[in-house]
Amino acid sequence: MINDRKIDQAFSDLRGTCSGVREDYFGLLYLEEEHDVPREKAVNQVAFGGNDYGVDGFHFDKARRNLYIFQFKYTTSHAQFKGSLQPAHAEHEAALPLARRSKL
């Protein structure tokens, strides 16, 4: 189970090489614990810091042939996702006409 102590420890251990903020390390621990991704691989599948365009991490499960794309929030409130998903949706909507024009 992921808890504050584990997040603090991961942040302390890796912030010198991965940087980012404390909350970024929840995603790292999630990949390790829920998908059995080794830490050496998981650090390359998580976005540390900003400018991630709403994608905080990913995992490809070869056995199931699934690509998982994550937006991580360490909170008990689902409302935390609402604000961060709206701008991403707006960016994609704005890009659609451009994508359609480029196919012509």
PDB file of N, CA and C in Angstrom:
ATOM      1  N   MET A   1       0.840  -1.186   0.000  1.00  0.00           N
ATOM      2  CA  MET A   1       0.000   0.000   0.000  1.00  0.00           C
ATOM      3  C   MET A   1       0.886   1.251   0.000  1.00  0.00           C
ATOM      4  N   ILE A   2       0.546   2.173  -0.862  1.00  0.00           N
ATOM      5  CA  ILE A   2       1.305   3.422  -0.956  1.00  0.00           C
ATOM      6  C   ILE A   2       0.828   4.348   0.153  1.00  0.00           C
ATOM      7  N   ASN A   3       1.779   4.938   0.876  1.00  0.00           N
ATOM      8  CA  ASN A   3       1.434   5.868   1.949  1.00  0.00           C
ATOM      9  C   ASN A   3       2.440   7.027   1.955  1.00  0.00           C
ATOM     10  N   ASP A   4       2.196   8.002   2.814  1.00  0.00           N
ATOM     11  CA  ASP A   4       3.053   9.187   2.874  1.00  0.00           C
ATOM     12  C   ASP A   4       4.510   8.839   3.173  1.00  0.00           C
ATOM     13  N   ARG A   5       4.722   7.873   4.033  1.00  0.00           N
ATOM     14  CA  ARG A   5       6.086   7.484   4.397  1.00  0.00           C
ATOM     15  C   ARG A   5       6.844   6.964   3.174  1.00  0.00           C
ATOM     16  N   LYS A   6       6.193   6.125   2.369  1.00  0.00           N
ATOM     17  CA  LYS A   6       6.839   5.583   1.167  1.00  0.00           C
ATOM     18  C   LYS A   6       7.117   6.678   0.141  1.00  0.00           C
ATOM     19  N   ILE A   7       6.169   7.598  -0.011  1.00  0.00           N
ATOM     20  CA  ILE A   7       6.377   8.717  -0.940  1.00  0.00           C
ATOM     21  C   ILE A   7       7.546   9.575  -0.475  1.00  0.00           C
ATOM     22  N   ASP A   8       7.579   9.899   0.808  1.00  0.00           N
ATOM     23  CA  ASP A   8       8.685  10.696   1.357  1.00  0.00           C
ATOM     24  C   ASP A   8      10.027  10.007   1.131  1.00  0.00           C
ATOM     25  N   GLN A   9      10.077   8.680   1.331  1.00  0.00           N
ATOM     26  CA  GLN A   9      11.324   7.942   1.167  1.00  0.00           C
ATOM     27  C   GLN A   9      11.776   7.939  -0.297  1.00  0.00           C
ATOM     28  N   ALA A  10      10.851   7.693  -1.216  1.00  0.00           N
ATOM     29  CA  ALA A  10      11.193   7.697  -2.643  1.00  0.00           C
ATOM     30  C   ALA A  10      11.664   9.087  -3.065  1.00  0.00           C
ATOM     31  N   PHE A  11      10.988  10.120  -2.604  1.00  0.00           N
ATOM     32  CA  PHE A  11      11.380  11.497  -2.918  1.00  0.00           C
ATOM     33  C   PHE A  11      12.776  11.788  -2.393  1.00  0.00           C
ATOM     34  N   SER A  12      13.045  11.397  -1.171  1.00  0.00           N
ATOM     35  CA  SER A  12      14.354  11.610  -0.565  1.00  0.00           C
ATOM     36  C   SER A  12      15.450  10.855  -1.327  1.00  0.00           C
ATOM     37  N   ASP A  13      15.163   9.625  -1.718  1.00  0.00           N
ATOM     38  CA  ASP A  13      16.149   8.792  -2.403  1.00  0.00           C
ATOM     39  C   ASP A  13      16.459   9.263  -3.820  1.00  0.00           C
ATOM     40  N   LEU A  14      15.449   9.800  -4.522  1.00  0.00           N
ATOM     41  CA  LEU A  14      15.600  10.034  -5.960  1.00  0.00           C
ATOM     42  C   LEU A  14      15.548  11.482  -6.424  1.00  0.00           C
ATOM     43  N   ARG A  15      15.203  12.415  -5.545  1.00  0.00           N
ATOM     44  CA  ARG A  15      15.027  13.798  -6.023  1.00  0.00           C
ATOM     45  C   ARG A  15      16.299  14.386  -6.602  1.00  0.00           C
ATOM     46  N   GLY A  16      17.452  13.907  -6.185  1.00  0.00           N
ATOM     47  CA  GLY A  16      18.713  14.404  -6.737  1.00  0.00           C
ATOM     48  C   GLY A  16      18.927  14.022  -8.188  1.00  0.00           C
ATOM     49  N   THR A  17      18.389  12.887  -8.590  1.00  0.00           N
ATOM     50  CA  THR A  17      18.549  12.444  -9.980  1.00  0.00           C
ATOM     51  C   THR A  17      17.304  12.653 -10.821  1.00  0.00           C
ATOM     52  N   CYS A  18      16.125  12.522 -10.214  1.00  0.00           N
ATOM     53  CA  CYS A  18      14.871  12.650 -10.974  1.00  0.00           C
ATOM     54  C   CYS A  18      14.240  14.027 -10.860  1.00  0.00           C
ATOM     55  N   SER A  19      14.583  14.771  -9.844  1.00  0.00           N
ATOM     56  CA  SER A  19      14.003  16.081  -9.511  1.00  0.00           C
ATOM     57  C   SER A  19      12.489  15.979  -9.351  1.00  0.00           C
ATOM     58  N   GLY A  20      11.749  16.963  -9.776  1.00  0.00           N
ATOM     59  CA  GLY A  20      10.304  16.956  -9.596  1.00  0.00           C
ATOM     60  C   GLY A  20       9.907  17.344  -8.187  1.00  0.00           C
ATOM     61  N   VAL A  21       8.625  17.180  -7.904  1.00  0.00           N
ATOM     62  CA  VAL A  21       8.079  17.483  -6.583  1.00  0.00           C
ATOM     63  C   VAL A  21       7.662  16.189  -5.906  1.00  0.00           C
ATOM     64  N   ARG A  22       7.433  16.262  -4.621  1.00  0.00           N
ATOM     65  CA  ARG A  22       7.107  15.079  -3.823  1.00  0.00           C
ATOM     66  C   ARG A  22       5.953  14.272  -4.423  1.00  0.00           C
ATOM     67  N   GLU A  23       4.908  14.946  -4.876  1.00  0.00           N
ATOM     68  CA  GLU A  23       3.719  14.272  -5.393  1.00  0.00           C
ATOM     69  C   GLU A  23       4.009  13.439  -6.644  1.00  0.00           C
ATOM     70  N   ASP A  24       5.065  13.775  -7.389  1.00  0.00           N
ATOM     71  CA  ASP A  24       5.427  13.003  -8.582  1.00  0.00           C
ATOM     72  C   ASP A  24       5.794  11.564  -8.245  1.00  0.00           C
ATOM     73  N   TYR A  25       6.231  11.343  -7.036  1.00  0.00           N
ATOM     74  CA  TYR A  25       6.736  10.027  -6.649  1.00  0.00           C
ATOM     75  C   TYR A  25       5.627   9.029  -6.331  1.00  0.00           C
ATOM     76  N   PHE A  26       4.399   9.505  -6.201  1.00  0.00           N
ATOM     77  CA  PHE A  26       3.269   8.588  -6.067  1.00  0.00           C
ATOM     78  C   PHE A  26       3.170   7.713  -7.318  1.00  0.00           C
ATOM     79  N   GLY A  27       3.301   8.321  -8.485  1.00  0.00           N
ATOM     80  CA  GLY A  27       3.221   7.576  -9.743  1.00  0.00           C
ATOM     81  C   GLY A  27       4.288   6.504  -9.852  1.00  0.00           C
ATOM     82  N   LEU A  28       5.484   6.832  -9.433  1.00  0.00           N
ATOM     83  CA  LEU A  28       6.580   5.860  -9.436  1.00  0.00           C
ATOM     84  C   LEU A  28       6.219   4.650  -8.577  1.00  0.00           C
ATOM     85  N   LEU A  29       5.752   4.912  -7.376  1.00  0.00           N
ATOM     86  CA  LEU A  29       5.378   3.830  -6.466  1.00  0.00           C
ATOM     87  C   LEU A  29       4.187   3.029  -6.999  1.00  0.00           C
ATOM     88  N   TYR A  30       3.254   3.705  -7.642  1.00  0.00           N
ATOM     89  CA  TYR A  30       2.111   3.011  -8.221  1.00  0.00           C
ATOM     90  C   TYR A  30       2.565   2.005  -9.276  1.00  0.00           C
ATOM     91  N   LEU A  31       3.442   2.425 -10.172  1.00  0.00           N
ATOM     92  CA  LEU A  31       3.938   1.504 -11.192  1.00  0.00           C
ATOM     93  C   LEU A  31       4.671   0.323 -10.569  1.00  0.00           C
ATOM     94  N   GLU A  32       5.461   0.610  -9.540  1.00  0.00           N
ATOM     95  CA  GLU A  32       6.195  -0.463  -8.864  1.00  0.00           C
ATOM     96  C   GLU A  32       5.249  -1.457  -8.195  1.00  0.00           C
ATOM     97  N   GLU A  33       4.265  -0.949  -7.482  1.00  0.00           N
ATOM     98  CA  GLU A  33       3.414  -1.813  -6.677  1.00  0.00           C
ATOM     99  C   GLU A  33       2.264  -2.455  -7.460  1.00  0.00           C
ATOM    100  N   GLU A  34       1.640  -1.722  -8.349  1.00  0.00           N
ATOM    101  CA  GLU A  34       0.471  -2.245  -9.057  1.00  0.00           C
ATOM    102  C   GLU A  34       0.816  -3.004 -10.338  1.00  0.00           C
ATOM    103  N   HIS A  35       1.940  -2.656 -10.947  1.00  0.00           N
ATOM    104  CA  HIS A  35       2.317  -3.287 -12.219  1.00  0.00           C
ATOM    105  C   HIS A  35       3.652  -4.022 -12.149  1.00  0.00           C
ATOM    106  N   ASP A  36       4.226  -4.113 -10.958  1.00  0.00           N
ATOM    107  CA  ASP A  36       5.501  -4.815 -10.753  1.00  0.00           C
ATOM    108  C   ASP A  36       6.614  -4.322 -11.678  1.00  0.00           C
ATOM    109  N   VAL A  37       6.640  -3.019 -11.903  1.00  0.00           N
ATOM    110  CA  VAL A  37       7.694  -2.424 -12.730  1.00  0.00           C
ATOM    111  C   VAL A  37       8.900  -2.154 -11.836  1.00  0.00           C
ATOM    112  N   PRO A  38      10.083  -2.657 -12.200  1.00  0.00           N
ATOM    113  CA  PRO A  38      11.277  -2.372 -11.388  1.00  0.00           C
ATOM    114  C   PRO A  38      11.575  -0.873 -11.375  1.00  0.00           C
ATOM    115  N   ARG A  39      12.102  -0.388 -10.283  1.00  0.00           N
ATOM    116  CA  ARG A  39      12.357   1.045 -10.131  1.00  0.00           C
ATOM    117  C   ARG A  39      13.209   1.600 -11.270  1.00  0.00           C
ATOM    118  N   GLU A  40      14.222   0.853 -11.709  1.00  0.00           N
ATOM    119  CA  GLU A  40      15.110   1.326 -12.776  1.00  0.00           C
ATOM    120  C   GLU A  40      14.329   1.620 -14.061  1.00  0.00           C
ATOM    121  N   LYS A  41      13.268   0.883 -14.297  1.00  0.00           N
ATOM    122  CA  LYS A  41      12.427   1.095 -15.470  1.00  0.00           C
ATOM    123  C   LYS A  41      11.342   2.135 -15.179  1.00  0.00           C
ATOM    124  N   ALA A  42      10.767   2.074 -13.993  1.00  0.00           N
ATOM    125  CA  ALA A  42       9.657   2.963 -13.630  1.00  0.00           C
ATOM    126  C   ALA A  42      10.058   4.438 -13.671  1.00  0.00           C
ATOM    127  N   VAL A  43      11.301   4.773 -13.296  1.00  0.00           N
ATOM    128  CA  VAL A  43      11.716   6.185 -13.318  1.00  0.00           C
ATOM    129  C   VAL A  43      11.682   6.764 -14.728  1.00  0.00           C
ATOM    130  N   ASN A  44      11.741   5.903 -15.745  1.00  0.00           N
ATOM    131  CA  ASN A  44      11.670   6.366 -17.133  1.00  0.00           C
ATOM    132  C   ASN A  44      10.249   6.363 -17.685  1.00  0.00           C
ATOM    133  N   GLN A  45       9.295   5.947 -16.871  1.00  0.00           N
ATOM    134  CA  GLN A  45       7.906   5.888 -17.298  1.00  0.00           C
ATOM    135  C   GLN A  45       7.023   6.872 -16.538  1.00  0.00           C
ATOM    136  N   VAL A  46       7.648   7.767 -15.767  1.00  0.00           N
ATOM    137  CA  VAL A  46       6.933   8.763 -14.977  1.00  0.00           C
ATOM    138  C   VAL A  46       7.488  10.143 -15.314  1.00  0.00           C
ATOM    139  N   ALA A  47       6.596  11.131 -15.420  1.00  0.00           N
ATOM    140  CA  ALA A  47       7.022  12.513 -15.657  1.00  0.00           C
ATOM    141  C   ALA A  47       7.287  13.172 -14.307  1.00  0.00           C
ATOM    142  N   PHE A  48       8.492  13.632 -14.121  1.00  0.00           N
ATOM    143  CA  PHE A  48       8.861  14.355 -12.909  1.00  0.00           C
ATOM    144  C   PHE A  48       8.908  15.837 -13.250  1.00  0.00           C
ATOM    145  N   GLY A  49       8.111  16.632 -12.545  1.00  0.00           N
ATOM    146  CA  GLY A  49       8.048  18.060 -12.833  1.00  0.00           C
ATOM    147  C   GLY A  49       6.878  18.357 -13.751  1.00  0.00           C
ATOM    148  N   GLY A  50       6.793  19.579 -14.201  1.00  0.00           N
ATOM    149  CA  GLY A  50       5.680  20.009 -15.050  1.00  0.00           C
ATOM    150  C   GLY A  50       5.925  19.721 -16.516  1.00  0.00           C
ATOM    151  N   ASN A  51       5.144  20.372 -17.353  1.00  0.00           N
ATOM    152  CA  ASN A  51       5.243  20.253 -18.807  1.00  0.00           C
ATOM    153  C   ASN A  51       5.046  18.829 -19.306  1.00  0.00           C
ATOM    154  N   ASP A  52       4.094  18.115 -18.709  1.00  0.00           N
ATOM    155  CA  ASP A  52       3.851  16.731 -19.105  1.00  0.00           C
ATOM    156  C   ASP A  52       2.603  16.587 -19.982  1.00  0.00           C
ATOM    157  N   TYR A  53       1.955  17.710 -20.305  1.00  0.00           N
ATOM    158  CA  TYR A  53       0.747  17.732 -21.138  1.00  0.00           C
ATOM    159  C   TYR A  53      -0.351  16.822 -20.595  1.00  0.00           C
ATOM    160  N   GLY A  54      -0.410  16.678 -19.275  1.00  0.00           N
ATOM    161  CA  GLY A  54      -1.459  15.892 -18.647  1.00  0.00           C
ATOM    162  C   GLY A  54      -1.165  14.410 -18.538  1.00  0.00           C
ATOM    163  N   VAL A  55      -0.046  13.955 -19.058  1.00  0.00           N
ATOM    164  CA  VAL A  55       0.340  12.541 -18.955  1.00  0.00           C
ATOM    165  C   VAL A  55       1.444  12.441 -17.919  1.00  0.00           C
ATOM    166  N   ASP A  56       1.124  11.802 -16.799  1.00  0.00           N
ATOM    167  CA  ASP A  56       2.088  11.688 -15.709  1.00  0.00           C
ATOM    168  C   ASP A  56       2.882  10.393 -15.748  1.00  0.00           C
ATOM    169  N   GLY A  57       2.407   9.433 -16.499  1.00  0.00           N
ATOM    170  CA  GLY A  57       3.126   8.175 -16.582  1.00  0.00           C
ATOM    171  C   GLY A  57       2.478   7.241 -17.576  1.00  0.00           C
ATOM    172  N   PHE A  58       3.196   6.154 -17.883  1.00  0.00           N
ATOM    173  CA  PHE A  58       2.663   5.140 -18.789  1.00  0.00           C
ATOM    174  C   PHE A  58       3.236   3.784 -18.424  1.00  0.00           C
ATOM    175  N   HIS A  59       2.564   2.758 -18.903  1.00  0.00           N
ATOM    176  CA  HIS A  59       3.064   1.391 -18.737  1.00  0.00           C
ATOM    177  C   HIS A  59       2.516   0.544 -19.865  1.00  0.00           C
ATOM    178  N   PHE A  60       3.387  -0.237 -20.495  1.00  0.00           N
ATOM    179  CA  PHE A  60       2.947  -1.179 -21.513  1.00  0.00           C
ATOM    180  C   PHE A  60       3.027  -2.583 -20.941  1.00  0.00           C
ATOM    181  N   ASP A  61       1.892  -3.262 -20.899  1.00  0.00           N
ATOM    182  CA  ASP A  61       1.809  -4.630 -20.403  1.00  0.00           C
ATOM    183  C   ASP A  61       1.849  -5.557 -21.619  1.00  0.00           C
ATOM    184  N   LYS A  62       3.003  -6.167 -21.855  1.00  0.00           N
ATOM    185  CA  LYS A  62       3.159  -7.034 -23.028  1.00  0.00           C
ATOM    186  C   LYS A  62       2.203  -8.215 -23.001  1.00  0.00           C
ATOM    187  N   ALA A  63       2.056  -8.838 -21.846  1.00  0.00           N
ATOM    188  CA  ALA A  63       1.212 -10.026 -21.747  1.00  0.00           C
ATOM    189  C   ALA A  63      -0.240  -9.725 -22.120  1.00  0.00           C
ATOM    190  N   ARG A  64      -0.747  -8.595 -21.675  1.00  0.00           N
ATOM    191  CA  ARG A  64      -2.140  -8.215 -21.965  1.00  0.00           C
ATOM    192  C   ARG A  64      -2.271  -7.380 -23.227  1.00  0.00           C
ATOM    193  N   ARG A  65      -1.126  -6.923 -23.744  1.00  0.00           N
ATOM    194  CA  ARG A  65      -1.081  -6.058 -24.932  1.00  0.00           C
ATOM    195  C   ARG A  65      -1.879  -4.778 -24.695  1.00  0.00           C
ATOM    196  N   ASN A  66      -1.664  -4.184 -23.502  1.00  0.00           N
ATOM    197  CA  ASN A  66      -2.337  -2.945 -23.114  1.00  0.00           C
ATOM    198  C   ASN A  66      -1.318  -1.854 -22.864  1.00  0.00           C
ATOM    199  N   LEU A  67      -1.617  -0.674 -23.345  1.00  0.00           N
ATOM    200  CA  LEU A  67      -0.838   0.517 -23.029  1.00  0.00           C
ATOM    201  C   LEU A  67      -1.670   1.335 -22.058  1.00  0.00           C
ATOM    202  N   TYR A  68      -1.129   1.556 -20.871  1.00  0.00           N
ATOM    203  CA  TYR A  68      -1.796   2.348 -19.854  1.00  0.00           C
ATOM    204  C   TYR A  68      -1.177   3.741 -19.829  1.00  0.00           C
ATOM    205  N   ILE A  69      -2.004   4.761 -19.865  1.00  0.00           N
ATOM    206  CA  ILE A  69      -1.556   6.147 -19.762  1.00  0.00           C
ATOM    207  C   ILE A  69      -2.201   6.714 -18.504  1.00  0.00           C
ATOM    208  N   PHE A  70      -1.372   7.281 -17.628  1.00  0.00           N
ATOM    209  CA  PHE A  70      -1.847   7.694 -16.312  1.00  0.00           C
ATOM    210  C   PHE A  70      -1.759   9.189 -16.099  1.00  0.00           C
ATOM    211  N   GLN A  71      -2.716   9.699 -15.351  1.00  0.00           N
ATOM    212  CA  GLN A  71      -2.617  11.000 -14.725  1.00  0.00           C
ATOM    213  C   GLN A  71      -2.769  10.729 -13.231  1.00  0.00           C
ATOM    214  N   PHE A  72      -1.694  10.924 -12.500  1.00  0.00           N
ATOM    215  CA  PHE A  72      -1.666  10.576 -11.084  1.00  0.00           C
ATOM    216  C   PHE A  72      -2.033  11.761 -10.209  1.00  0.00           C
ATOM    217  N   LYS A  73      -2.827  11.483  -9.186  1.00  0.00           N
ATOM    218  CA  LYS A  73      -3.145  12.438  -8.123  1.00  0.00           C
ATOM    219  C   LYS A  73      -3.157  11.666  -6.819  1.00  0.00           C
ATOM    220  N   TYR A  74      -2.407  12.121  -5.842  1.00  0.00           N
ATOM    221  CA  TYR A  74      -2.404  11.486  -4.532  1.00  0.00           C
ATOM    222  C   TYR A  74      -3.375  12.254  -3.654  1.00  0.00           C
ATOM    223  N   THR A  75      -4.649  11.840  -3.705  1.00  0.00           N
ATOM    224  CA  THR A  75      -5.713  12.550  -3.004  1.00  0.00           C
ATOM    225  C   THR A  75      -6.882  11.603  -2.746  1.00  0.00           C
ATOM    226  N   THR A  76      -7.753  11.991  -1.870  1.00  0.00           N
ATOM    227  CA  THR A  76      -8.976  11.217  -1.647  1.00  0.00           C
ATOM    228  C   THR A  76     -10.158  11.822  -2.403  1.00  0.00           C
ATOM    229  N   SER A  77      -9.931  12.922  -3.129  1.00  0.00           N
ATOM    230  CA  SER A  77     -11.002  13.618  -3.828  1.00  0.00           C
ATOM    231  C   SER A  77     -10.883  13.452  -5.343  1.00  0.00           C
ATOM    232  N   HIS A  78     -11.911  12.880  -5.953  1.00  0.00           N
ATOM    233  CA  HIS A  78     -11.916  12.733  -7.408  1.00  0.00           C
ATOM    234  C   HIS A  78     -11.989  14.091  -8.107  1.00  0.00           C
ATOM    235  N   ALA A  79     -12.431  15.112  -7.418  1.00  0.00           N
ATOM    236  CA  ALA A  79     -12.542  16.452  -8.002  1.00  0.00           C
ATOM    237  C   ALA A  79     -11.175  17.012  -8.410  1.00  0.00           C
ATOM    238  N   GLN A  80     -10.100  16.483  -7.840  1.00  0.00           N
ATOM    239  CA  GLN A  80      -8.751  16.942  -8.200  1.00  0.00           C
ATOM    240  C   GLN A  80      -8.447  16.701  -9.671  1.00  0.00           C
ATOM    241  N   PHE A  81      -9.064  15.715 -10.284  1.00  0.00           N
ATOM    242  CA  PHE A  81      -8.814  15.403 -11.687  1.00  0.00           C
ATOM    243  C   PHE A  81      -9.541  16.346 -12.637  1.00  0.00           C
ATOM    244  N   LYS A  82     -10.648  16.897 -12.192  1.00  0.00           N
ATOM    245  CA  LYS A  82     -11.505  17.680 -13.075  1.00  0.00           C
ATOM    246  C   LYS A  82     -10.778  18.865 -13.712  1.00  0.00           C
ATOM    247  N   GLY A  83     -10.117  19.664 -12.937  1.00  0.00           N
ATOM    248  CA  GLY A  83      -9.428  20.832 -13.478  1.00  0.00           C
ATOM    249  C   GLY A  83      -8.277  20.478 -14.395  1.00  0.00           C
ATOM    250  N   SER A  84      -7.557  19.438 -14.102  1.00  0.00           N
ATOM    251  CA  SER A  84      -6.398  19.090 -14.920  1.00  0.00           C
ATOM    252  C   SER A  84      -6.795  18.411 -16.220  1.00  0.00           C
ATOM    253  N   LEU A  85      -7.963  17.817 -16.277  1.00  0.00           N
ATOM    254  CA  LEU A  85      -8.399  17.192 -17.524  1.00  0.00           C
ATOM    255  C   LEU A  85      -9.000  18.189 -18.499  1.00  0.00           C
ATOM    256  N   GLN A  86      -9.594  19.257 -18.012  1.00  0.00           N
ATOM    257  CA  GLN A  86     -10.233  20.232 -18.885  1.00  0.00           C
ATOM    258  C   GLN A  86      -9.253  20.883 -19.861  1.00  0.00           C
ATOM    259  N   PRO A  87      -8.102  21.400 -19.424  1.00  0.00           N
ATOM    260  CA  PRO A  87      -7.191  22.028 -20.380  1.00  0.00           C
ATOM    261  C   PRO A  87      -6.676  21.044 -21.428  1.00  0.00           C
ATOM    262  N   ALA A  88      -6.421  19.799 -21.035  1.00  0.00           N
ATOM    263  CA  ALA A  88      -5.937  18.814 -21.992  1.00  0.00           C
ATOM    264  C   ALA A  88      -6.995  18.573 -23.066  1.00  0.00           C
ATOM    265  N   HIS A  89      -8.247  18.479 -22.662  1.00  0.00           N
ATOM    266  CA  HIS A  89      -9.332  18.270 -23.604  1.00  0.00           C
ATOM    267  C   HIS A  89      -9.437  19.467 -24.556  1.00  0.00           C
ATOM    268  N   ALA A  90      -9.319  20.662 -24.036  1.00  0.00           N
ATOM    269  CA  ALA A  90      -9.411  21.871 -24.855  1.00  0.00           C
ATOM    270  C   ALA A  90      -8.284  21.915 -25.883  1.00  0.00           C
ATOM    271  N   GLU A  91      -7.077  21.518 -25.492  1.00  0.00           N
ATOM    272  CA  GLU A  91      -5.950  21.506 -26.427  1.00  0.00           C
ATOM    273  C   GLU A  91      -6.212  20.539 -27.570  1.00  0.00           C
ATOM    274  N   HIS A  92      -6.760  19.367 -27.267  1.00  0.00           N
ATOM    275  CA  HIS A  92      -7.024  18.374 -28.303  1.00  0.00           C
ATOM    276  C   HIS A  92      -8.126  18.845 -29.237  1.00  0.00           C
ATOM    277  N   GLU A  93      -9.154  19.496 -28.691  1.00  0.00           N
ATOM    278  CA  GLU A  93     -10.231  20.019 -29.523  1.00  0.00           C
ATOM    279  C   GLU A  93      -9.696  21.077 -30.487  1.00  0.00           C
ATOM    280  N   ALA A  94      -8.795  21.911 -30.000  1.00  0.00           N
ATOM    281  CA  ALA A  94      -8.223  22.958 -30.848  1.00  0.00           C
ATOM    282  C   ALA A  94      -7.345  22.361 -31.945  1.00  0.00           C
ATOM    283  N   ALA A  95      -6.746  21.222 -31.684  1.00  0.00           N
ATOM    284  CA  ALA A  95      -5.855  20.598 -32.661  1.00  0.00           C
ATOM    285  C   ALA A  95      -6.612  19.817 -33.731  1.00  0.00           C
ATOM    286  N   LEU A  96      -7.863  19.446 -33.487  1.00  0.00           N
ATOM    287  CA  LEU A  96      -8.613  18.654 -34.449  1.00  0.00           C
ATOM    288  C   LEU A  96      -8.744  19.302 -35.815  1.00  0.00           C
ATOM    289  N   PRO A  97      -9.149  20.564 -35.929  1.00  0.00           N
ATOM    290  CA  PRO A  97      -9.255  21.152 -37.266  1.00  0.00           C
ATOM    291  C   PRO A  97      -7.916  21.137 -38.006  1.00  0.00           C
ATOM    292  N   LEU A  98      -6.830  21.352 -37.301  1.00  0.00           N
ATOM    293  CA  LEU A  98      -5.511  21.313 -37.918  1.00  0.00           C
ATOM    294  C   LEU A  98      -5.202  19.904 -38.430  1.00  0.00           C
ATOM    295  N   ALA A  99      -5.533  18.901 -37.645  1.00  0.00           N
ATOM    296  CA  ALA A  99      -5.299  17.523 -38.061  1.00  0.00           C
ATOM    297  C   ALA A  99      -6.134  17.168 -39.288  1.00  0.00           C
ATOM    298  N   ARG A 100      -7.361  17.634 -39.313  1.00  0.00           N
ATOM    299  CA  ARG A 100      -8.222  17.354 -40.469  1.00  0.00           C
ATOM    300  C   ARG A 100      -7.677  18.038 -41.724  1.00  0.00           C
ATOM    301  N   ARG A 101      -7.208  19.266 -41.601  1.00  0.00           N
ATOM    302  CA  ARG A 101      -6.655  19.975 -42.758  1.00  0.00           C
ATOM    303  C   ARG A 101      -5.411  19.290 -43.293  1.00  0.00           C
ATOM    304  N   SER A 102      -4.603  18.725 -42.397  1.00  0.00           N
ATOM    305  CA  SER A 102      -3.350  18.129 -42.843  1.00  0.00           C
ATOM    306  C   SER A 102      -3.590  16.840 -43.621  1.00  0.00           C
ATOM    307  N   LYS A 103      -4.772  16.224 -43.501  1.00  0.00           N
ATOM    308  CA  LYS A 103      -5.088  14.994 -44.245  1.00  0.00           C
ATOM    309  C   LYS A 103      -5.510  15.303 -45.667  1.00  0.00           C
ATOM    310  N   LEU A 104      -5.890  16.541 -45.969  1.00  0.00           N
ATOM    311  CA  LEU A 104      -6.376  16.907 -47.307  1.00  0.00           C
ATOM    312  C   LEU A 104      -5.284  16.975 -48.330  1.00  0.00           C
TER     313      LEU A 104
END
